[in-house]
Amino acid sequence: MSGREERERAVELYFSTPMSTKQVVEHLGYPTRQCLERWLRDDPRYADAVPKPPIPLETRCRAVELCLSGMQQKQVATELGVSAGAVHHWMRLYRAGGMAAPETGTEGCHAAGRNR
């Protein structure tokens, strides 16, 4: 089976069954969950099926402030109920030029001008 066929098979299995991405990967034995999620994001059906709720700007700003105060990103994620990857992403955005609201790039937060 070619790479394209494997991709199509995995994506179709996800959409044609009630399986989660983790279950599809376990069932097929490929790809990784992250890879399947990337393939799904490229499929127009996925945008309609799984809307991502936005994390409020206040939560993002609080995460940055906690990290700047010395708390580890993993601890911040646990405290705020978000993923460690999200906290890492927000810290990268902050370090790259201030904490603007990711995706919109318009709103800043109180931590944006301090202690960079």
PDB file of N, CA and C in Angstrom:
ATOM      1  N   MET A   1       0.855  -1.165   0.000  1.00  0.00           N
ATOM      2  CA  MET A   1       0.000   0.000   0.000  1.00  0.00           C
ATOM      3  C   MET A   1       0.908   1.238   0.000  1.00  0.00           C
ATOM      4  N   SER A   2       0.572   2.201  -0.831  1.00  0.00           N
ATOM      5  CA  SER A   2       1.379   3.421  -0.919  1.00  0.00           C
ATOM      6  C   SER A   2       1.051   4.357   0.241  1.00  0.00           C
ATOM      7  N   GLY A   3       1.896   5.362   0.428  1.00  0.00           N
ATOM      8  CA  GLY A   3       1.674   6.346   1.477  1.00  0.00           C
ATOM      9  C   GLY A   3       0.353   7.072   1.319  1.00  0.00           C
ATOM     10  N   ARG A   4       0.032   7.392   0.074  1.00  0.00           N
ATOM     11  CA  ARG A   4      -1.238   8.086  -0.194  1.00  0.00           C
ATOM     12  C   ARG A   4      -2.429   7.193   0.144  1.00  0.00           C
ATOM     13  N   GLU A   5      -2.335   5.909  -0.216  1.00  0.00           N
ATOM     14  CA  GLU A   5      -3.418   4.977   0.080  1.00  0.00           C
ATOM     15  C   GLU A   5      -3.582   4.785   1.585  1.00  0.00           C
ATOM     16  N   GLU A   6      -2.451   4.716   2.316  1.00  0.00           N
ATOM     17  CA  GLU A   6      -2.507   4.581   3.773  1.00  0.00           C
ATOM     18  C   GLU A   6      -3.182   5.801   4.395  1.00  0.00           C
ATOM     19  N   ARG A   7      -2.820   6.954   3.877  1.00  0.00           N
ATOM     20  CA  ARG A   7      -3.411   8.195   4.380  1.00  0.00           C
ATOM     21  C   ARG A   7      -4.920   8.202   4.151  1.00  0.00           C
ATOM     22  N   GLU A   8      -5.337   7.892   2.940  1.00  0.00           N
ATOM     23  CA  GLU A   8      -6.758   7.874   2.602  1.00  0.00           C
ATOM     24  C   GLU A   8      -7.510   6.849   3.442  1.00  0.00           C
ATOM     25  N   ARG A   9      -6.907   5.689   3.660  1.00  0.00           N
ATOM     26  CA  ARG A   9      -7.548   4.637   4.454  1.00  0.00           C
ATOM     27  C   ARG A   9      -7.748   5.110   5.897  1.00  0.00           C
ATOM     28  N   ALA A  10      -6.732   5.715   6.462  1.00  0.00           N
ATOM     29  CA  ALA A  10      -6.824   6.184   7.846  1.00  0.00           C
ATOM     30  C   ALA A  10      -7.870   7.289   7.982  1.00  0.00           C
ATOM     31  N   VAL A  11      -7.852   8.242   7.077  1.00  0.00           N
ATOM     32  CA  VAL A  11      -8.800   9.354   7.132  1.00  0.00           C
ATOM     33  C   VAL A  11     -10.225   8.843   6.942  1.00  0.00           C
ATOM     34  N   GLU A  12     -10.434   7.955   5.993  1.00  0.00           N
ATOM     35  CA  GLU A  12     -11.773   7.406   5.759  1.00  0.00           C
ATOM     36  C   GLU A  12     -12.265   6.602   6.956  1.00  0.00           C
ATOM     37  N   LEU A  13     -11.379   5.852   7.592  1.00  0.00           N
ATOM     38  CA  LEU A  13     -11.774   5.078   8.769  1.00  0.00           C
ATOM     39  C   LEU A  13     -12.234   6.007   9.880  1.00  0.00           C
ATOM     40  N   TYR A  14     -11.531   7.111  10.058  1.00  0.00           N
ATOM     41  CA  TYR A  14     -11.911   8.074  11.078  1.00  0.00           C
ATOM     42  C   TYR A  14     -13.321   8.622  10.814  1.00  0.00           C
ATOM     43  N   PHE A  15     -13.590   9.000   9.568  1.00  0.00           N
ATOM     44  CA  PHE A  15     -14.881   9.605   9.243  1.00  0.00           C
ATOM     45  C   PHE A  15     -16.016   8.587   9.140  1.00  0.00           C
ATOM     46  N   SER A  16     -15.721   7.341   8.875  1.00  0.00           N
ATOM     47  CA  SER A  16     -16.780   6.355   8.674  1.00  0.00           C
ATOM     48  C   SER A  16     -17.099   5.538   9.925  1.00  0.00           C
ATOM     49  N   THR A  17     -16.391   5.766  11.008  1.00  0.00           N
ATOM     50  CA  THR A  17     -16.638   5.041  12.249  1.00  0.00           C
ATOM     51  C   THR A  17     -16.682   6.041  13.410  1.00  0.00           C
ATOM     52  N   PRO A  18     -17.139   5.594  14.553  1.00  0.00           N
ATOM     53  CA  PRO A  18     -17.116   6.477  15.727  1.00  0.00           C
ATOM     54  C   PRO A  18     -15.772   6.455  16.463  1.00  0.00           C
ATOM     55  N   MET A  19     -14.752   5.904  15.828  1.00  0.00           N
ATOM     56  CA  MET A  19     -13.442   5.795  16.481  1.00  0.00           C
ATOM     57  C   MET A  19     -12.789   7.162  16.666  1.00  0.00           C
ATOM     58  N   SER A  20     -12.045   7.286  17.756  1.00  0.00           N
ATOM     59  CA  SER A  20     -11.232   8.482  17.980  1.00  0.00           C
ATOM     60  C   SER A  20      -9.949   8.343  17.169  1.00  0.00           C
ATOM     61  N   THR A  21      -9.169   9.407  17.120  1.00  0.00           N
ATOM     62  CA  THR A  21      -7.892   9.315  16.387  1.00  0.00           C
ATOM     63  C   THR A  21      -7.000   8.259  17.021  1.00  0.00           C
ATOM     64  N   LYS A  22      -6.991   8.200  18.341  1.00  0.00           N
ATOM     65  CA  LYS A  22      -6.175   7.200  19.040  1.00  0.00           C
ATOM     66  C   LYS A  22      -6.609   5.789  18.655  1.00  0.00           C
ATOM     67  N   GLN A  23      -7.918   5.556  18.598  1.00  0.00           N
ATOM     68  CA  GLN A  23      -8.429   4.232  18.246  1.00  0.00           C
ATOM     69  C   GLN A  23      -8.112   3.861  16.805  1.00  0.00           C
ATOM     70  N   VAL A  24      -8.179   4.817  15.894  1.00  0.00           N
ATOM     71  CA  VAL A  24      -7.848   4.552  14.488  1.00  0.00           C
ATOM     72  C   VAL A  24      -6.382   4.118  14.381  1.00  0.00           C
ATOM     73  N   VAL A  25      -5.507   4.835  15.054  1.00  0.00           N
ATOM     74  CA  VAL A  25      -4.077   4.513  15.010  1.00  0.00           C
ATOM     75  C   VAL A  25      -3.825   3.127  15.601  1.00  0.00           C
ATOM     76  N   GLU A  26      -4.468   2.824  16.730  1.00  0.00           N
ATOM     77  CA  GLU A  26      -4.297   1.497  17.343  1.00  0.00           C
ATOM     78  C   GLU A  26      -4.828   0.399  16.430  1.00  0.00           C
ATOM     79  N   HIS A  27      -5.952   0.655  15.771  1.00  0.00           N
ATOM     80  CA  HIS A  27      -6.562  -0.336  14.882  1.00  0.00           C
ATOM     81  C   HIS A  27      -5.676  -0.610  13.661  1.00  0.00           C
ATOM     82  N   LEU A  28      -5.171   0.456  13.050  1.00  0.00           N
ATOM     83  CA  LEU A  28      -4.386   0.304  11.824  1.00  0.00           C
ATOM     84  C   LEU A  28      -2.920  -0.013  12.086  1.00  0.00           C
ATOM     85  N   GLY A  29      -2.412   0.452  13.210  1.00  0.00           N
ATOM     86  CA  GLY A  29      -0.985   0.268  13.483  1.00  0.00           C
ATOM     87  C   GLY A  29      -0.122   1.359  12.854  1.00  0.00           C
ATOM     88  N   TYR A  30      -0.720   2.324  12.292  1.00  0.00           N
ATOM     89  CA  TYR A  30      -0.060   3.488  11.704  1.00  0.00           C
ATOM     90  C   TYR A  30      -1.084   4.587  11.631  1.00  0.00           C
ATOM     91  N   PRO A  31      -0.812   5.774  11.335  1.00  0.00           N
ATOM     92  CA  PRO A  31       0.426   6.506  11.567  1.00  0.00           C
ATOM     93  C   PRO A  31       0.466   6.849  13.050  1.00  0.00           C
ATOM     94  N   THR A  32       1.172   7.874  13.452  1.00  0.00           N
ATOM     95  CA  THR A  32       1.066   8.349  14.824  1.00  0.00           C
ATOM     96  C   THR A  32      -0.224   9.151  14.934  1.00  0.00           C
ATOM     97  N   ARG A  33      -0.693   9.340  16.158  1.00  0.00           N
ATOM     98  CA  ARG A  33      -1.915  10.122  16.371  1.00  0.00           C
ATOM     99  C   ARG A  33      -1.738  11.548  15.845  1.00  0.00           C
ATOM    100  N   GLN A  34      -0.560  12.122  16.101  1.00  0.00           N
ATOM    101  CA  GLN A  34      -0.303  13.486  15.640  1.00  0.00           C
ATOM    102  C   GLN A  34      -0.329  13.574  14.115  1.00  0.00           C
ATOM    103  N   CYS A  35       0.215  12.571  13.466  1.00  0.00           N
ATOM    104  CA  CYS A  35       0.221  12.545  12.000  1.00  0.00           C
ATOM    105  C   CYS A  35      -1.213  12.429  11.470  1.00  0.00           C
ATOM    106  N   LEU A  36      -2.000  11.551  12.059  1.00  0.00           N
ATOM    107  CA  LEU A  36      -3.393  11.409  11.626  1.00  0.00           C
ATOM    108  C   LEU A  36      -4.143  12.720  11.829  1.00  0.00           C
ATOM    109  N   GLU A  37      -3.929  13.385  12.958  1.00  0.00           N
ATOM    110  CA  GLU A  37      -4.599  14.659  13.197  1.00  0.00           C
ATOM    111  C   GLU A  37      -4.188  15.708  12.166  1.00  0.00           C
ATOM    112  N   ARG A  38      -2.949  15.680  11.741  1.00  0.00           N
ATOM    113  CA  ARG A  38      -2.486  16.610  10.694  1.00  0.00           C
ATOM    114  C   ARG A  38      -3.193  16.285   9.379  1.00  0.00           C
ATOM    115  N   TRP A  39      -3.302  15.006   9.054  1.00  0.00           N
ATOM    116  CA  TRP A  39      -4.008  14.611   7.833  1.00  0.00           C
ATOM    117  C   TRP A  39      -5.471  15.052   7.902  1.00  0.00           C
ATOM    118  N   LEU A  40      -6.078  14.888   9.066  1.00  0.00           N
ATOM    119  CA  LEU A  40      -7.482  15.268   9.220  1.00  0.00           C
ATOM    120  C   LEU A  40      -7.676  16.770   9.065  1.00  0.00           C
ATOM    121  N   ARG A  41      -6.754  17.556   9.605  1.00  0.00           N
ATOM    122  CA  ARG A  41      -6.872  19.016   9.465  1.00  0.00           C
ATOM    123  C   ARG A  41      -6.815  19.444   8.008  1.00  0.00           C
ATOM    124  N   ASP A  42      -6.160  18.656   7.167  1.00  0.00           N
ATOM    125  CA  ASP A  42      -6.080  18.960   5.743  1.00  0.00           C
ATOM    126  C   ASP A  42      -7.357  18.587   4.996  1.00  0.00           C
ATOM    127  N   ASP A  43      -8.237  17.840   5.635  1.00  0.00           N
ATOM    128  CA  ASP A  43      -9.473  17.387   5.012  1.00  0.00           C
ATOM    129  C   ASP A  43     -10.588  18.374   5.346  1.00  0.00           C
ATOM    130  N   PRO A  44     -11.298  18.883   4.345  1.00  0.00           N
ATOM    131  CA  PRO A  44     -12.351  19.871   4.607  1.00  0.00           C
ATOM    132  C   PRO A  44     -13.465  19.353   5.517  1.00  0.00           C
ATOM    133  N   ARG A  45     -13.683  18.065   5.560  1.00  0.00           N
ATOM    134  CA  ARG A  45     -14.723  17.510   6.429  1.00  0.00           C
ATOM    135  C   ARG A  45     -14.384  17.688   7.901  1.00  0.00           C
ATOM    136  N   TYR A  46     -13.117  17.739   8.212  1.00  0.00           N
ATOM    137  CA  TYR A  46     -12.670  17.798   9.611  1.00  0.00           C
ATOM    138  C   TYR A  46     -13.023  19.126  10.259  1.00  0.00           C
ATOM    139  N   ALA A  47     -12.913  20.213   9.535  1.00  0.00           N
ATOM    140  CA  ALA A  47     -13.216  21.529  10.091  1.00  0.00           C
ATOM    141  C   ALA A  47     -14.665  21.588  10.566  1.00  0.00           C
ATOM    142  N   ASP A  48     -15.557  20.953   9.851  1.00  0.00           N
ATOM    143  CA  ASP A  48     -16.959  20.938  10.245  1.00  0.00           C
ATOM    144  C   ASP A  48     -17.219  19.964  11.391  1.00  0.00           C
ATOM    145  N   ALA A  49     -16.440  18.915  11.473  1.00  0.00           N
ATOM    146  CA  ALA A  49     -16.687  17.862  12.451  1.00  0.00           C
ATOM    147  C   ALA A  49     -16.158  18.209  13.842  1.00  0.00           C
ATOM    148  N   VAL A  50     -15.031  18.885  13.918  1.00  0.00           N
ATOM    149  CA  VAL A  50     -14.392  19.099  15.207  1.00  0.00           C
ATOM    150  C   VAL A  50     -13.991  20.555  15.380  1.00  0.00           C
ATOM    151  N   PRO A  51     -14.923  21.404  15.770  1.00  0.00           N
ATOM    152  CA  PRO A  51     -14.541  22.790  16.012  1.00  0.00           C
ATOM    153  C   PRO A  51     -13.726  22.879  17.299  1.00  0.00           C
ATOM    154  N   LYS A  52     -12.688  23.704  17.277  1.00  0.00           N
ATOM    155  CA  LYS A  52     -11.862  23.891  18.454  1.00  0.00           C
ATOM    156  C   LYS A  52     -12.375  25.082  19.238  1.00  0.00           C
ATOM    157  N   PRO A  53     -12.737  24.870  20.495  1.00  0.00           N
ATOM    158  CA  PRO A  53     -13.169  26.024  21.269  1.00  0.00           C
ATOM    159  C   PRO A  53     -11.965  26.915  21.575  1.00  0.00           C
ATOM    160  N   PRO A  54     -12.114  28.201  21.406  1.00  0.00           N
ATOM    161  CA  PRO A  54     -10.975  29.074  21.680  1.00  0.00           C
ATOM    162  C   PRO A  54     -10.715  29.169  23.181  1.00  0.00           C
ATOM    163  N   ILE A  55      -9.455  29.234  23.528  1.00  0.00           N
ATOM    164  CA  ILE A  55      -9.083  29.430  24.927  1.00  0.00           C
ATOM    165  C   ILE A  55      -9.045  30.935  25.152  1.00  0.00           C
ATOM    166  N   PRO A  56      -9.751  31.413  26.159  1.00  0.00           N
ATOM    167  CA  PRO A  56      -9.835  32.861  26.374  1.00  0.00           C
ATOM    168  C   PRO A  56      -8.462  33.519  26.511  1.00  0.00           C
ATOM    169  N   LEU A  57      -8.369  34.743  26.022  1.00  0.00           N
ATOM    170  CA  LEU A  57      -7.133  35.501  26.103  1.00  0.00           C
ATOM    171  C   LEU A  57      -6.662  35.627  27.553  1.00  0.00           C
ATOM    172  N   GLU A  58      -7.593  35.777  28.478  1.00  0.00           N
ATOM    173  CA  GLU A  58      -7.213  35.905  29.886  1.00  0.00           C
ATOM    174  C   GLU A  58      -6.449  34.679  30.364  1.00  0.00           C
ATOM    175  N   THR A  59      -6.861  33.494  29.913  1.00  0.00           N
ATOM    176  CA  THR A  59      -6.181  32.257  30.291  1.00  0.00           C
ATOM    177  C   THR A  59      -4.784  32.224  29.699  1.00  0.00           C
ATOM    178  N   ARG A  60      -4.649  32.637  28.444  1.00  0.00           N
ATOM    179  CA  ARG A  60      -3.333  32.665  27.792  1.00  0.00           C
ATOM    180  C   ARG A  60      -2.402  33.621  28.516  1.00  0.00           C
ATOM    181  N   CYS A  61      -2.924  34.795  28.853  1.00  0.00           N
ATOM    182  CA  CYS A  61      -2.108  35.794  29.554  1.00  0.00           C
ATOM    183  C   CYS A  61      -1.703  35.288  30.929  1.00  0.00           C
ATOM    184  N   ARG A  62      -2.631  34.654  31.615  1.00  0.00           N
ATOM    185  CA  ARG A  62      -2.321  34.116  32.955  1.00  0.00           C
ATOM    186  C   ARG A  62      -1.228  33.065  32.836  1.00  0.00           C
ATOM    187  N   ALA A  63      -1.280  32.241  31.809  1.00  0.00           N
ATOM    188  CA  ALA A  63      -0.245  31.218  31.597  1.00  0.00           C
ATOM    189  C   ALA A  63       1.120  31.875  31.423  1.00  0.00           C
ATOM    190  N   VAL A  64       1.189  32.909  30.604  1.00  0.00           N
ATOM    191  CA  VAL A  64       2.455  33.617  30.390  1.00  0.00           C
ATOM    192  C   VAL A  64       2.951  34.211  31.703  1.00  0.00           C
ATOM    193  N   GLU A  65       2.061  34.857  32.430  1.00  0.00           N
ATOM    194  CA  GLU A  65       2.450  35.480  33.700  1.00  0.00           C
ATOM    195  C   GLU A  65       2.979  34.443  34.689  1.00  0.00           C
ATOM    196  N   LEU A  66       2.322  33.300  34.774  1.00  0.00           N
ATOM    197  CA  LEU A  66       2.786  32.247  35.690  1.00  0.00           C
ATOM    198  C   LEU A  66       4.156  31.716  35.283  1.00  0.00           C
ATOM    199  N   CYS A  67       4.360  31.535  33.983  1.00  0.00           N
ATOM    200  CA  CYS A  67       5.667  31.066  33.507  1.00  0.00           C
ATOM    201  C   CYS A  67       6.748  32.106  33.803  1.00  0.00           C
ATOM    202  N   LEU A  68       6.427  33.366  33.594  1.00  0.00           N
ATOM    203  CA  LEU A  68       7.402  34.426  33.860  1.00  0.00           C
ATOM    204  C   LEU A  68       7.727  34.535  35.347  1.00  0.00           C
ATOM    205  N   SER A  69       6.799  34.110  36.192  1.00  0.00           N
ATOM    206  CA  SER A  69       7.043  34.160  37.633  1.00  0.00           C
ATOM    207  C   SER A  69       7.897  32.982  38.104  1.00  0.00           C
ATOM    208  N   GLY A  70       8.198  32.046  37.178  1.00  0.00           N
ATOM    209  CA  GLY A  70       9.077  30.932  37.521  1.00  0.00           C
ATOM    210  C   GLY A  70       8.422  29.569  37.557  1.00  0.00           C
ATOM    211  N   MET A  71       7.133  29.506  37.385  1.00  0.00           N
ATOM    212  CA  MET A  71       6.445  28.216  37.404  1.00  0.00           C
ATOM    213  C   MET A  71       6.747  27.452  36.112  1.00  0.00           C
ATOM    214  N   GLN A  72       6.914  26.141  36.224  1.00  0.00           N
ATOM    215  CA  GLN A  72       7.181  25.311  35.043  1.00  0.00           C
ATOM    216  C   GLN A  72       5.935  25.245  34.157  1.00  0.00           C
ATOM    217  N   GLN A  73       6.178  25.159  32.859  1.00  0.00           N
ATOM    218  CA  GLN A  73       5.067  25.149  31.904  1.00  0.00           C
ATOM    219  C   GLN A  73       4.091  24.006  32.167  1.00  0.00           C
ATOM    220  N   LYS A  74       4.609  22.858  32.547  1.00  0.00           N
ATOM    221  CA  LYS A  74       3.750  21.708  32.816  1.00  0.00           C
ATOM    222  C   LYS A  74       2.835  21.987  34.011  1.00  0.00           C
ATOM    223  N   GLN A  75       3.376  22.631  35.037  1.00  0.00           N
ATOM    224  CA  GLN A  75       2.569  22.986  36.202  1.00  0.00           C
ATOM    225  C   GLN A  75       1.501  24.016  35.834  1.00  0.00           C
ATOM    226  N   VAL A  76       1.891  24.985  35.021  1.00  0.00           N
ATOM    227  CA  VAL A  76       0.951  26.017  34.572  1.00  0.00           C
ATOM    228  C   VAL A  76      -0.203  25.355  33.819  1.00  0.00           C
ATOM    229  N   ALA A  77       0.129  24.435  32.936  1.00  0.00           N
ATOM    230  CA  ALA A  77      -0.900  23.747  32.150  1.00  0.00           C
ATOM    231  C   ALA A  77      -1.876  23.014  33.064  1.00  0.00           C
ATOM    232  N   THR A  78      -1.349  22.307  34.037  1.00  0.00           N
ATOM    233  CA  THR A  78      -2.205  21.573  34.975  1.00  0.00           C
ATOM    234  C   THR A  78      -3.101  22.529  35.752  1.00  0.00           C
ATOM    235  N   GLU A  79      -2.521  23.611  36.248  1.00  0.00           N
ATOM    236  CA  GLU A  79      -3.290  24.570  37.041  1.00  0.00           C
ATOM    237  C   GLU A  79      -4.416  25.213  36.237  1.00  0.00           C
ATOM    238  N   LEU A  80      -4.160  25.504  34.967  1.00  0.00           N
ATOM    239  CA  LEU A  80      -5.144  26.205  34.148  1.00  0.00           C
ATOM    240  C   LEU A  80      -6.050  25.268  33.348  1.00  0.00           C
ATOM    241  N   GLY A  81      -5.766  23.971  33.381  1.00  0.00           N
ATOM    242  CA  GLY A  81      -6.595  23.010  32.660  1.00  0.00           C
ATOM    243  C   GLY A  81      -6.421  23.052  31.160  1.00  0.00           C
ATOM    244  N   VAL A  82      -5.196  23.332  30.710  1.00  0.00           N
ATOM    245  CA  VAL A  82      -4.879  23.362  29.281  1.00  0.00           C
ATOM    246  C   VAL A  82      -3.722  22.400  29.026  1.00  0.00           C
ATOM    247  N   SER A  83      -3.377  22.200  27.776  1.00  0.00           N
ATOM    248  CA  SER A  83      -2.275  21.292  27.475  1.00  0.00           C
ATOM    249  C   SER A  83      -0.933  21.995  27.666  1.00  0.00           C
ATOM    250  N   ALA A  84       0.079  21.211  27.985  1.00  0.00           N
ATOM    251  CA  ALA A  84       1.436  21.754  28.118  1.00  0.00           C
ATOM    252  C   ALA A  84       1.901  22.307  26.774  1.00  0.00           C
ATOM    253  N   GLY A  85       1.467  21.693  25.673  1.00  0.00           N
ATOM    254  CA  GLY A  85       1.828  22.179  24.338  1.00  0.00           C
ATOM    255  C   GLY A  85       1.282  23.570  24.079  1.00  0.00           C
ATOM    256  N   ALA A  86       0.064  23.832  24.575  1.00  0.00           N
ATOM    257  CA  ALA A  86      -0.529  25.159  24.401  1.00  0.00           C
ATOM    258  C   ALA A  86       0.279  26.201  25.169  1.00  0.00           C
ATOM    259  N   VAL A  87       0.659  25.872  26.407  1.00  0.00           N
ATOM    260  CA  VAL A  87       1.449  26.813  27.208  1.00  0.00           C
ATOM    261  C   VAL A  87       2.786  27.079  26.531  1.00  0.00           C
ATOM    262  N   HIS A  88       3.400  26.037  26.026  1.00  0.00           N
ATOM    263  CA  HIS A  88       4.680  26.190  25.319  1.00  0.00           C
ATOM    264  C   HIS A  88       4.504  27.114  24.108  1.00  0.00           C
ATOM    265  N   HIS A  89       3.438  26.913  23.373  1.00  0.00           N
ATOM    266  CA  HIS A  89       3.151  27.730  22.187  1.00  0.00           C
ATOM    267  C   HIS A  89       2.961  29.194  22.573  1.00  0.00           C
ATOM    268  N   TRP A  90       2.210  29.451  23.638  1.00  0.00           N
ATOM    269  CA  TRP A  90       1.976  30.832  24.064  1.00  0.00           C
ATOM    270  C   TRP A  90       3.265  31.498  24.531  1.00  0.00           C
ATOM    271  N   MET A  91       4.130  30.722  25.173  1.00  0.00           N
ATOM    272  CA  MET A  91       5.416  31.292  25.613  1.00  0.00           C
ATOM    273  C   MET A  91       6.288  31.625  24.398  1.00  0.00           C
ATOM    274  N   ARG A  92       6.242  30.783  23.388  1.00  0.00           N
ATOM    275  CA  ARG A  92       7.000  31.080  22.160  1.00  0.00           C
ATOM    276  C   ARG A  92       6.476  32.356  21.512  1.00  0.00           C
ATOM    277  N   LEU A  93       5.159  32.503  21.447  1.00  0.00           N
ATOM    278  CA  LEU A  93       4.576  33.723  20.891  1.00  0.00           C
ATOM    279  C   LEU A  93       5.004  34.941  21.701  1.00  0.00           C
ATOM    280  N   TYR A  94       4.958  34.824  22.995  1.00  0.00           N
ATOM    281  CA  TYR A  94       5.346  35.932  23.867  1.00  0.00           C
ATOM    282  C   TYR A  94       6.805  36.326  23.621  1.00  0.00           C
ATOM    283  N   ARG A  95       7.672  35.339  23.580  1.00  0.00           N
ATOM    284  CA  ARG A  95       9.105  35.609  23.380  1.00  0.00           C
ATOM    285  C   ARG A  95       9.402  36.169  21.996  1.00  0.00           C
ATOM    286  N   ALA A  96       8.527  35.872  21.044  1.00  0.00           N
ATOM    287  CA  ALA A  96       8.750  36.337  19.674  1.00  0.00           C
ATOM    288  C   ALA A  96       8.283  37.777  19.457  1.00  0.00           C
ATOM    289  N   GLY A  97       7.660  38.370  20.442  1.00  0.00           N
ATOM    290  CA  GLY A  97       7.266  39.751  20.226  1.00  0.00           C
ATOM    291  C   GLY A  97       6.123  40.228  21.079  1.00  0.00           C
ATOM    292  N   GLY A  98       5.833  39.540  22.114  1.00  0.00           N
ATOM    293  CA  GLY A  98       4.752  39.982  22.980  1.00  0.00           C
ATOM    294  C   GLY A  98       3.563  39.063  22.849  1.00  0.00           C
ATOM    295  N   MET A  99       2.745  39.119  23.820  1.00  0.00           N
ATOM    296  CA  MET A  99       1.604  38.213  23.851  1.00  0.00           C
ATOM    297  C   MET A  99       0.396  38.849  23.198  1.00  0.00           C
ATOM    298  N   ALA A 100       0.311  38.699  21.898  1.00  0.00           N
ATOM    299  CA  ALA A 100      -0.906  39.088  21.185  1.00  0.00           C
ATOM    300  C   ALA A 100      -1.794  37.858  21.184  1.00  0.00           C
ATOM    301  N   ALA A 101      -3.053  38.065  21.020  1.00  0.00           N
ATOM    302  CA  ALA A 101      -3.957  36.925  20.989  1.00  0.00           C
ATOM    303  C   ALA A 101      -3.605  36.053  19.797  1.00  0.00           C
ATOM    304  N   PRO A 102      -3.203  34.815  20.048  1.00  0.00           N
ATOM    305  CA  PRO A 102      -2.900  33.930  18.922  1.00  0.00           C
ATOM    306  C   PRO A 102      -4.108  33.828  17.997  1.00  0.00           C
ATOM    307  N   GLU A 103      -3.862  33.674  16.765  1.00  0.00           N
ATOM    308  CA  GLU A 103      -4.850  33.585  15.687  1.00  0.00           C
ATOM    309  C   GLU A 103      -5.307  34.963  15.222  1.00  0.00           C
ATOM    310  N   THR A 104      -5.565  35.903  16.121  1.00  0.00           N
ATOM    311  CA  THR A 104      -6.031  37.203  15.665  1.00  0.00           C
ATOM    312  C   THR A 104      -4.886  38.191  15.584  1.00  0.00           C
ATOM    313  N   GLY A 105      -3.942  38.085  16.503  1.00  0.00           N
ATOM    314  CA  GLY A 105      -2.805  38.978  16.510  1.00  0.00           C
ATOM    315  C   GLY A 105      -3.155  40.412  16.847  1.00  0.00           C
ATOM    316  N   THR A 106      -4.308  40.645  17.452  1.00  0.00           N
ATOM    317  CA  THR A 106      -4.717  42.024  17.681  1.00  0.00           C
ATOM    318  C   THR A 106      -4.712  42.439  19.140  1.00  0.00           C
ATOM    319  N   GLU A 107      -5.162  41.579  20.016  1.00  0.00           N
ATOM    320  CA  GLU A 107      -5.278  41.983  21.411  1.00  0.00           C
ATOM    321  C   GLU A 107      -4.005  41.624  22.166  1.00  0.00           C
ATOM    322  N   GLY A 108      -3.581  42.517  23.021  1.00  0.00           N
ATOM    323  CA  GLY A 108      -2.436  42.226  23.855  1.00  0.00           C
ATOM    324  C   GLY A 108      -2.900  41.876  25.258  1.00  0.00           C
ATOM    325  N   CYS A 109      -1.967  41.471  26.116  1.00  0.00           N
ATOM    326  CA  CYS A 109      -2.319  41.241  27.495  1.00  0.00           C
ATOM    327  C   CYS A 109      -1.360  41.999  28.390  1.00  0.00           C
ATOM    328  N   HIS A 110      -1.651  42.045  29.648  1.00  0.00           N
ATOM    329  CA  HIS A 110      -0.885  42.855  30.588  1.00  0.00           C
ATOM    330  C   HIS A 110       0.588  42.456  30.637  1.00  0.00           C
ATOM    331  N   ALA A 111       0.894  41.190  30.386  1.00  0.00           N
ATOM    332  CA  ALA A 111       2.277  40.727  30.489  1.00  0.00           C
ATOM    333  C   ALA A 111       3.103  41.125  29.282  1.00  0.00           C
ATOM    334  N   ALA A 112       2.488  41.580  28.215  1.00  0.00           N
ATOM    335  CA  ALA A 112       3.181  41.779  26.944  1.00  0.00           C
ATOM    336  C   ALA A 112       4.363  42.722  27.041  1.00  0.00           C
ATOM    337  N   GLY A 113       4.271  43.765  27.810  1.00  0.00           N
ATOM    338  CA  GLY A 113       5.350  44.731  27.833  1.00  0.00           C
ATOM    339  C   GLY A 113       6.365  44.543  28.934  1.00  0.00           C
ATOM    340  N   ARG A 114       6.154  43.561  29.800  1.00  0.00           N
ATOM    341  CA  ARG A 114       6.999  43.409  30.976  1.00  0.00           C
ATOM    342  C   ARG A 114       7.936  42.208  30.869  1.00  0.00           C
ATOM    343  N   ASN A 115       9.112  42.358  31.416  1.00  0.00           N
ATOM    344  CA  ASN A 115      10.049  41.256  31.679  1.00  0.00           C
ATOM    345  C   ASN A 115      10.345  40.361  30.503  1.00  0.00           C
ATOM    346  N   ARG A 116      10.452  40.915  29.349  1.00  0.00           N
ATOM    347  CA  ARG A 116      10.767  40.084  28.191  1.00  0.00           C
ATOM    348  C   ARG A 116      12.215  39.845  28.074  1.00  0.00           C
TER     349      ARG A 116
END
